[in-house]
Amino acid sequence: MQTQTYADTTSTRAIGNSLISGKTIQGTRVYSPAGDELGHIDDVMIDTSSGKAVYGVLEFGGFLGIGSDHHAIPFGKLKYDTAREGYVTDLTKEQLENAPAQEASWRENRDWQQRSHEYYGVAPYWL
């Protein structure tokens, strides 16, 4: 049986410790339900009010970083799989490609964040 834990600031890949560095998360591979590699976590976004990690910014597509896309994925959609040493999501490549376009102001744009959370089927982190 594979061990999967929800990725937030209190639980993720831990061997005798329940904390993980953001630097450790960056670069971690993300896999589809079928086991296909979708990309990797390029950045982690933390809500300054709660201190919780709320988005993993997924870099996917392209070649050697050229032509790749970035999508802020709510951390509720990512589960760490110790056997794969990466995150697994129930999202497919097609769902990522059809996600709401990530505007330059997405970090401050609550309307975009609301649409994104609705698209991914995750409750907004600010509620």
C-alpha atoms as a PDB file:
ATOM      1  CA  MET A   1       0.000   0.000   0.000  1.00  0.00           C
ATOM      2  CA  GLN A   2       1.317   3.429  -0.932  1.00  0.00           C
ATOM      3  CA  THR A   3       1.356   6.152   1.672  1.00  0.00           C
ATOM      4  CA  GLN A   4      -0.265   9.385   0.563  1.00  0.00           C
ATOM      5  CA  THR A   5      -0.600  12.475   2.689  1.00  0.00           C
ATOM      6  CA  TYR A   6      -2.188  15.806   1.992  1.00  0.00           C
ATOM      7  CA  ALA A   7       0.318  18.494   1.151  1.00  0.00           C
ATOM      8  CA  ASP A   8       0.041  21.448   3.449  1.00  0.00           C
ATOM      9  CA  THR A   9       2.314  23.080   5.964  1.00  0.00           C
ATOM     10  CA  THR A  10       1.698  20.389   8.577  1.00  0.00           C
ATOM     11  CA  SER A  11       1.841  17.150   6.636  1.00  0.00           C
ATOM     12  CA  THR A  12       3.650  15.918   3.574  1.00  0.00           C
ATOM     13  CA  ARG A  13       6.624  13.712   2.926  1.00  0.00           C
ATOM     14  CA  ALA A  14       8.057  13.245   6.338  1.00  0.00           C
ATOM     15  CA  ILE A  15      10.410  10.729   7.812  1.00  0.00           C
ATOM     16  CA  GLY A  16      10.178  11.298  11.535  1.00  0.00           C
ATOM     17  CA  ASN A  17       9.229  14.933  10.960  1.00  0.00           C
ATOM     18  CA  SER A  18       6.024  16.658   9.909  1.00  0.00           C
ATOM     19  CA  LEU A  19       7.628  19.782   8.450  1.00  0.00           C
ATOM     20  CA  ILE A  20       9.072  20.240   4.992  1.00  0.00           C
ATOM     21  CA  SER A  21      10.987  23.076   3.383  1.00  0.00           C
ATOM     22  CA  GLY A  22       9.510  24.942   0.430  1.00  0.00           C
ATOM     23  CA  LYS A  23      12.855  24.392  -1.283  1.00  0.00           C
ATOM     24  CA  THR A  24      12.274  20.649  -0.991  1.00  0.00           C
ATOM     25  CA  ILE A  25       8.845  20.920  -2.619  1.00  0.00           C
ATOM     26  CA  GLN A  26      10.180  22.928  -5.550  1.00  0.00           C
ATOM     27  CA  GLY A  27      11.117  20.619  -8.376  1.00  0.00           C
ATOM     28  CA  THR A  28       9.010  17.731  -7.071  1.00  0.00           C
ATOM     29  CA  ARG A  29       7.314  15.872  -9.915  1.00  0.00           C
ATOM     30  CA  VAL A  30       3.525  15.786 -10.297  1.00  0.00           C
ATOM     31  CA  TYR A  31       1.734  12.767 -11.776  1.00  0.00           C
ATOM     32  CA  SER A  32      -1.706  12.226 -13.310  1.00  0.00           C
ATOM     33  CA  PRO A  33      -4.163   9.565 -12.097  1.00  0.00           C
ATOM     34  CA  ALA A  34      -2.758   7.253 -14.800  1.00  0.00           C
ATOM     35  CA  GLY A  35       0.787   7.766 -13.517  1.00  0.00           C
ATOM     36  CA  ASP A  36       1.922  10.041 -16.350  1.00  0.00           C
ATOM     37  CA  GLU A  37       4.276  12.831 -15.337  1.00  0.00           C
ATOM     38  CA  LEU A  38       2.479  16.168 -15.749  1.00  0.00           C
ATOM     39  CA  GLY A  39       5.296  18.481 -14.699  1.00  0.00           C
ATOM     40  CA  HIS A  40       6.842  19.699 -11.471  1.00  0.00           C
ATOM     41  CA  ILE A  41       6.195  22.154  -8.653  1.00  0.00           C
ATOM     42  CA  ASP A  42       7.954  25.379  -9.604  1.00  0.00           C
ATOM     43  CA  ASP A  43       6.839  27.453  -6.616  1.00  0.00           C
ATOM     44  CA  VAL A  44       4.759  27.314  -3.467  1.00  0.00           C
ATOM     45  CA  MET A  45       2.341  30.092  -2.533  1.00  0.00           C
ATOM     46  CA  ILE A  46       1.641  30.722   1.157  1.00  0.00           C
ATOM     47  CA  ASP A  47      -1.297  32.685   2.555  1.00  0.00           C
ATOM     48  CA  THR A  48       0.230  35.346   4.804  1.00  0.00           C
ATOM     49  CA  SER A  49      -2.872  35.498   7.046  1.00  0.00           C
ATOM     50  CA  SER A  50      -3.059  31.800   7.920  1.00  0.00           C
ATOM     51  CA  GLY A  51       0.506  30.707   7.163  1.00  0.00           C
ATOM     52  CA  LYS A  52      -0.816  27.771   5.106  1.00  0.00           C
ATOM     53  CA  ALA A  53       0.586  26.681   1.785  1.00  0.00           C
ATOM     54  CA  VAL A  54      -2.378  27.168  -0.540  1.00  0.00           C
ATOM     55  CA  TYR A  55      -1.021  26.694  -4.072  1.00  0.00           C
ATOM     56  CA  GLY A  56       1.601  24.606  -5.744  1.00  0.00           C
ATOM     57  CA  VAL A  57       2.562  26.335  -8.975  1.00  0.00           C
ATOM     58  CA  LEU A  58       2.845  23.555 -11.527  1.00  0.00           C
ATOM     59  CA  GLU A  59       5.178  23.986 -14.493  1.00  0.00           C
ATOM     60  CA  PHE A  60       4.197  21.699 -17.346  1.00  0.00           C
ATOM     61  CA  GLY A  61       4.590  21.294 -21.088  1.00  0.00           C
ATOM     62  CA  GLY A  62       7.302  22.780 -23.223  1.00  0.00           C
ATOM     63  CA  PHE A  63      10.840  21.530 -23.571  1.00  0.00           C
ATOM     64  CA  LEU A  64      13.644  22.446 -21.166  1.00  0.00           C
ATOM     65  CA  GLY A  65      11.486  25.234 -19.761  1.00  0.00           C
ATOM     66  CA  ILE A  66      10.808  26.767 -23.197  1.00  0.00           C
ATOM     67  CA  GLY A  67       7.127  27.078 -23.994  1.00  0.00           C
ATOM     68  CA  SER A  68       6.044  25.680 -20.662  1.00  0.00           C
ATOM     69  CA  ASP A  69       2.917  26.807 -18.813  1.00  0.00           C
ATOM     70  CA  HIS A  70       2.415  27.540 -15.139  1.00  0.00           C
ATOM     71  CA  HIS A  71      -0.779  26.866 -13.216  1.00  0.00           C
ATOM     72  CA  ALA A  72      -1.455  27.553  -9.572  1.00  0.00           C
ATOM     73  CA  ILE A  73      -2.998  24.313  -8.335  1.00  0.00           C
ATOM     74  CA  PRO A  74      -4.774  24.380  -4.965  1.00  0.00           C
ATOM     75  CA  PHE A  75      -2.752  22.189  -2.600  1.00  0.00           C
ATOM     76  CA  GLY A  76      -5.954  20.290  -1.830  1.00  0.00           C
ATOM     77  CA  LYS A  77      -5.565  18.695  -5.283  1.00  0.00           C
ATOM     78  CA  LEU A  78      -2.071  17.349  -4.537  1.00  0.00           C
ATOM     79  CA  LYS A  79      -1.253  14.273  -2.477  1.00  0.00           C
ATOM     80  CA  TYR A  80       2.295  13.180  -1.798  1.00  0.00           C
ATOM     81  CA  ASP A  81       3.050   9.598  -2.830  1.00  0.00           C
ATOM     82  CA  THR A  82       6.115   8.254  -1.046  1.00  0.00           C
ATOM     83  CA  ALA A  83       6.554   5.399  -3.547  1.00  0.00           C
ATOM     84  CA  ARG A  84       6.810   7.856  -6.445  1.00  0.00           C
ATOM     85  CA  GLU A  85       8.554  10.536  -4.399  1.00  0.00           C
ATOM     86  CA  GLY A  86       6.199  12.989  -6.042  1.00  0.00           C
ATOM     87  CA  TYR A  87       2.736  14.446  -5.913  1.00  0.00           C
ATOM     88  CA  VAL A  88      -0.271  12.740  -7.453  1.00  0.00           C
ATOM     89  CA  THR A  89      -3.309  14.669  -8.551  1.00  0.00           C
ATOM     90  CA  ASP A  90      -6.641  13.573  -9.948  1.00  0.00           C
ATOM     91  CA  LEU A  91      -6.206  16.185 -12.688  1.00  0.00           C
ATOM     92  CA  THR A  92      -5.445  15.200 -16.249  1.00  0.00           C
ATOM     93  CA  LYS A  93      -3.282  17.024 -18.759  1.00  0.00           C
ATOM     94  CA  GLU A  94      -6.446  18.083 -20.600  1.00  0.00           C
ATOM     95  CA  GLN A  95      -7.957  19.562 -17.432  1.00  0.00           C
ATOM     96  CA  LEU A  96      -4.789  21.572 -16.832  1.00  0.00           C
ATOM     97  CA  GLU A  97      -4.771  22.818 -20.415  1.00  0.00           C
ATOM     98  CA  ASN A  98      -8.428  23.912 -20.100  1.00  0.00           C
ATOM     99  CA  ALA A  99      -8.072  25.562 -16.679  1.00  0.00           C
ATOM    100  CA  PRO A 100      -8.972  29.247 -16.308  1.00  0.00           C
ATOM    101  CA  ALA A 101      -6.257  31.371 -17.896  1.00  0.00           C
ATOM    102  CA  GLN A 102      -3.846  32.504 -15.217  1.00  0.00           C
ATOM    103  CA  GLU A 103      -3.804  36.279 -15.315  1.00  0.00           C
ATOM    104  CA  ALA A 104      -0.735  38.293 -14.334  1.00  0.00           C
ATOM    105  CA  SER A 105      -2.658  39.565 -11.289  1.00  0.00           C
ATOM    106  CA  TRP A 106      -3.805  36.133 -10.111  1.00  0.00           C
ATOM    107  CA  ARG A 107      -2.195  36.509  -6.680  1.00  0.00           C
ATOM    108  CA  GLU A 108      -4.424  39.507  -5.869  1.00  0.00           C
ATOM    109  CA  ASN A 109      -7.383  38.721  -8.126  1.00  0.00           C
ATOM    110  CA  ARG A 110     -10.002  37.096  -5.892  1.00  0.00           C
ATOM    111  CA  ASP A 111     -12.355  36.650  -8.896  1.00  0.00           C
ATOM    112  CA  TRP A 112      -9.747  34.550 -10.727  1.00  0.00           C
ATOM    113  CA  GLN A 113      -8.983  32.616  -7.539  1.00  0.00           C
ATOM    114  CA  GLN A 114     -12.705  31.882  -7.041  1.00  0.00           C
ATOM    115  CA  ARG A 115     -13.099  30.661 -10.636  1.00  0.00           C
ATOM    116  CA  SER A 116      -9.963  28.546 -10.306  1.00  0.00           C
ATOM    117  CA  HIS A 117     -11.100  26.885  -7.082  1.00  0.00           C
ATOM    118  CA  GLU A 118     -14.528  26.205  -8.600  1.00  0.00           C
ATOM    119  CA  TYR A 119     -12.898  24.699 -11.697  1.00  0.00           C
ATOM    120  CA  TYR A 120     -10.720  22.395  -9.604  1.00  0.00           C
ATOM    121  CA  GLY A 121     -13.600  21.529  -7.234  1.00  0.00           C
ATOM    122  CA  VAL A 122     -11.792  22.731  -4.112  1.00  0.00           C
ATOM    123  CA  ALA A 123     -13.164  25.022  -1.427  1.00  0.00           C
ATOM    124  CA  PRO A 124     -11.457  28.434  -1.455  1.00  0.00           C
ATOM    125  CA  TYR A 125      -8.710  28.671   1.145  1.00  0.00           C
ATOM    126  CA  TRP A 126      -9.936  32.052   2.420  1.00  0.00           C
ATOM    127  CA  LEU A 127     -13.339  30.724   3.581  1.00  0.00           C
END
